[in-house]
Amino acid sequence: MKLDSASLVWGLIFLALAAFGLWVGTGNQVNWARVSIVAPLLLIAVGVLGLVLQRSSSRSSRRKNPRPSRKDRS
């Protein structure tokens, strides 16, 4: 099964936005000082996760479909 890292990253971002909306929708106070610290860190962490998953995905596909050598190309 191939993992689509872009869909996973966007899904995590929208999940965080939905959780924030739920938090505000239930009448809880938003600590904007904390949000201004946590939000960028969360976006960086999700971006790094996406890069790691993309890199591991491309490595596994290279192992399954190796490039032909120069001898095979001719």
N, C-alpha and C. Protein backbone atom coordinates (compact mmCIF):
# COMPACT_ATOMS: atom_id res chain seq x y z
N MET A 1 0.84 -1.18 0.00
CA MET A 1 0.00 0.00 0.00
C MET A 1 0.89 1.25 0.00
N LYS A 2 0.64 2.12 -0.95
CA LYS A 2 1.42 3.34 -1.05
C LYS A 2 0.74 4.44 -0.24
N LEU A 3 1.54 5.14 0.53
CA LEU A 3 1.03 6.21 1.38
C LEU A 3 1.13 7.53 0.63
N ASP A 4 0.02 8.25 0.57
CA ASP A 4 0.01 9.56 -0.07
C ASP A 4 0.32 10.61 0.99
N SER A 5 1.57 11.06 1.03
CA SER A 5 2.00 11.95 2.10
C SER A 5 1.35 13.32 2.01
N ALA A 6 1.08 13.81 0.80
CA ALA A 6 0.45 15.12 0.66
C ALA A 6 -0.96 15.10 1.26
N SER A 7 -1.71 14.04 1.00
CA SER A 7 -3.05 13.94 1.57
C SER A 7 -3.00 13.84 3.09
N LEU A 8 -2.01 13.12 3.59
CA LEU A 8 -1.87 13.00 5.04
C LEU A 8 -1.57 14.35 5.67
N VAL A 9 -0.66 15.10 5.08
CA VAL A 9 -0.29 16.41 5.63
C VAL A 9 -1.49 17.35 5.61
N TRP A 10 -2.19 17.43 4.48
CA TRP A 10 -3.36 18.32 4.40
C TRP A 10 -4.45 17.85 5.37
N GLY A 11 -4.61 16.55 5.51
CA GLY A 11 -5.60 16.03 6.46
C GLY A 11 -5.28 16.42 7.89
N LEU A 12 -4.01 16.36 8.26
CA LEU A 12 -3.61 16.76 9.62
C LEU A 12 -3.81 18.26 9.85
N ILE A 13 -3.53 19.07 8.83
CA ILE A 13 -3.73 20.51 8.96
C ILE A 13 -5.21 20.82 9.14
N PHE A 14 -6.07 20.20 8.32
CA PHE A 14 -7.50 20.45 8.45
C PHE A 14 -8.06 19.88 9.74
N LEU A 15 -7.49 18.80 10.24
CA LEU A 15 -7.90 18.25 11.53
C LEU A 15 -7.59 19.23 12.66
N ALA A 16 -6.42 19.86 12.59
CA ALA A 16 -6.05 20.86 13.60
C ALA A 16 -6.99 22.06 13.52
N LEU A 17 -7.33 22.50 12.31
CA LEU A 17 -8.27 23.61 12.17
C LEU A 17 -9.65 23.25 12.69
N ALA A 18 -10.09 22.03 12.44
CA ALA A 18 -11.40 21.59 12.94
C ALA A 18 -11.40 21.52 14.47
N ALA A 19 -10.30 21.04 15.05
CA ALA A 19 -10.21 20.99 16.52
C ALA A 19 -10.24 22.39 17.10
N PHE A 20 -9.56 23.33 16.45
CA PHE A 20 -9.58 24.72 16.91
C PHE A 20 -11.00 25.30 16.82
N GLY A 21 -11.68 25.02 15.71
CA GLY A 21 -13.05 25.49 15.55
C GLY A 21 -13.98 24.89 16.58
N LEU A 22 -13.79 23.62 16.89
CA LEU A 22 -14.59 22.97 17.92
C LEU A 22 -14.33 23.60 19.28
N TRP A 23 -13.08 23.89 19.57
CA TRP A 23 -12.71 24.51 20.84
C TRP A 23 -13.39 25.87 20.98
N VAL A 24 -13.34 26.68 19.95
CA VAL A 24 -13.95 28.01 19.98
C VAL A 24 -15.48 27.88 19.98
N GLY A 25 -16.01 26.93 19.23
CA GLY A 25 -17.45 26.75 19.13
C GLY A 25 -18.11 26.32 20.42
N THR A 26 -17.36 25.67 21.29
CA THR A 26 -17.92 25.24 22.57
C THR A 26 -17.86 26.35 23.62
N GLY A 27 -17.40 27.51 23.24
CA GLY A 27 -17.39 28.66 24.16
C GLY A 27 -16.14 28.81 24.99
N ASN A 28 -15.11 28.07 24.68
CA ASN A 28 -13.86 28.18 25.44
C ASN A 28 -13.08 29.40 24.98
N GLN A 29 -12.30 29.94 25.90
CA GLN A 29 -11.45 31.09 25.60
C GLN A 29 -10.22 30.64 24.82
N VAL A 30 -9.77 31.49 23.92
CA VAL A 30 -8.58 31.20 23.13
C VAL A 30 -7.43 32.03 23.70
N ASN A 31 -6.37 31.36 24.06
CA ASN A 31 -5.16 32.03 24.53
C ASN A 31 -4.31 32.31 23.29
N TRP A 32 -4.41 33.51 22.74
CA TRP A 32 -3.75 33.83 21.49
C TRP A 32 -2.24 33.83 21.62
N ALA A 33 -1.72 34.09 22.80
CA ALA A 33 -0.27 34.01 22.99
C ALA A 33 0.21 32.58 22.79
N ARG A 34 -0.56 31.63 23.30
CA ARG A 34 -0.20 30.22 23.13
C ARG A 34 -0.39 29.78 21.69
N VAL A 35 -1.47 30.25 21.05
CA VAL A 35 -1.72 29.89 19.65
C VAL A 35 -0.60 30.41 18.76
N SER A 36 -0.10 31.61 19.05
CA SER A 36 0.96 32.19 18.22
C SER A 36 2.27 31.42 18.34
N ILE A 37 2.41 30.59 19.36
CA ILE A 37 3.60 29.76 19.51
C ILE A 37 3.35 28.35 18.97
N VAL A 38 2.19 27.80 19.30
CA VAL A 38 1.90 26.41 18.95
C VAL A 38 1.61 26.24 17.46
N ALA A 39 0.89 27.17 16.86
CA ALA A 39 0.49 27.03 15.45
C ALA A 39 1.70 26.92 14.51
N PRO A 40 2.69 27.81 14.59
CA PRO A 40 3.85 27.65 13.70
C PRO A 40 4.63 26.36 13.97
N LEU A 41 4.74 25.97 15.24
CA LEU A 41 5.44 24.73 15.55
C LEU A 41 4.70 23.52 14.99
N LEU A 42 3.38 23.56 15.08
CA LEU A 42 2.58 22.47 14.53
C LEU A 42 2.72 22.39 13.02
N LEU A 43 2.71 23.52 12.34
CA LEU A 43 2.87 23.53 10.89
C LEU A 43 4.25 23.03 10.47
N ILE A 44 5.28 23.41 11.22
CA ILE A 44 6.63 22.93 10.92
C ILE A 44 6.71 21.42 11.13
N ALA A 45 6.13 20.92 12.22
CA ALA A 45 6.17 19.49 12.50
C ALA A 45 5.44 18.69 11.42
N VAL A 46 4.29 19.18 11.00
CA VAL A 46 3.53 18.49 9.96
C VAL A 46 4.30 18.54 8.62
N GLY A 47 4.95 19.65 8.34
CA GLY A 47 5.75 19.75 7.12
C GLY A 47 6.94 18.81 7.12
N VAL A 48 7.61 18.70 8.24
CA VAL A 48 8.74 17.77 8.36
C VAL A 48 8.24 16.34 8.21
N LEU A 49 7.10 16.03 8.83
CA LEU A 49 6.52 14.70 8.68
C LEU A 49 6.24 14.40 7.21
N GLY A 50 5.70 15.36 6.50
CA GLY A 50 5.44 15.17 5.08
C GLY A 50 6.70 14.93 4.28
N LEU A 51 7.76 15.68 4.59
CA LEU A 51 9.03 15.48 3.89
C LEU A 51 9.62 14.10 4.16
N VAL A 52 9.55 13.67 5.42
CA VAL A 52 10.08 12.36 5.77
C VAL A 52 9.30 11.25 5.08
N LEU A 53 7.97 11.37 5.09
CA LEU A 53 7.15 10.35 4.45
C LEU A 53 7.36 10.33 2.94
N GLN A 54 7.52 11.49 2.35
CA GLN A 54 7.74 11.56 0.90
C GLN A 54 9.08 10.93 0.54
N ARG A 55 10.09 11.19 1.35
CA ARG A 55 11.42 10.64 1.09
C ARG A 55 11.41 9.12 1.23
N SER A 56 10.78 8.63 2.29
CA SER A 56 10.74 7.17 2.47
C SER A 56 9.89 6.52 1.40
N SER A 57 8.85 7.19 0.95
CA SER A 57 8.00 6.66 -0.12
C SER A 57 8.78 6.57 -1.43
N SER A 58 9.57 7.59 -1.73
CA SER A 58 10.33 7.57 -2.98
C SER A 58 11.45 6.53 -2.92
N ARG A 59 12.00 6.30 -1.76
CA ARG A 59 13.04 5.27 -1.63
C ARG A 59 12.46 3.88 -1.86
N SER A 60 11.30 3.62 -1.29
CA SER A 60 10.72 2.29 -1.45
C SER A 60 10.29 2.05 -2.89
N SER A 61 9.83 3.08 -3.59
CA SER A 61 9.45 2.89 -4.99
C SER A 61 10.68 2.68 -5.86
N ARG A 62 11.81 3.28 -5.49
CA ARG A 62 13.04 3.05 -6.25
C ARG A 62 13.53 1.62 -6.08
N ARG A 63 13.32 1.06 -4.89
CA ARG A 63 13.76 -0.31 -4.67
C ARG A 63 12.91 -1.28 -5.48
N LYS A 64 11.62 -0.99 -5.61
CA LYS A 64 10.74 -1.88 -6.36
C LYS A 64 10.97 -1.76 -7.86
N ASN A 65 11.26 -0.55 -8.34
CA ASN A 65 11.47 -0.30 -9.76
C ASN A 65 12.84 0.34 -9.98
N PRO A 66 13.90 -0.46 -9.95
CA PRO A 66 15.23 0.13 -10.13
C PRO A 66 15.40 0.68 -11.54
N ARG A 67 16.22 1.70 -11.64
CA ARG A 67 16.52 2.29 -12.95
C ARG A 67 17.32 1.30 -13.78
N PRO A 68 17.05 1.25 -15.06
CA PRO A 68 17.86 0.35 -15.90
C PRO A 68 19.31 0.84 -15.97
N SER A 69 20.21 -0.10 -16.03
CA SER A 69 21.61 0.28 -16.12
C SER A 69 21.90 0.75 -17.55
N ARG A 70 23.09 1.26 -17.76
CA ARG A 70 23.47 1.74 -19.11
C ARG A 70 23.48 0.60 -20.11
N LYS A 71 23.82 -0.58 -19.67
CA LYS A 71 23.84 -1.74 -20.58
C LYS A 71 22.43 -2.07 -21.04
N ASP A 72 21.46 -1.93 -20.13
CA ASP A 72 20.07 -2.27 -20.47
C ASP A 72 19.45 -1.23 -21.40
N ARG A 73 19.91 -0.01 -21.35
CA ARG A 73 19.34 1.06 -22.18
C ARG A 73 19.68 0.91 -23.66
N SER A 74 20.83 0.34 -23.96
CA SER A 74 21.26 0.26 -25.36
C SER A 74 20.59 -0.88 -26.10
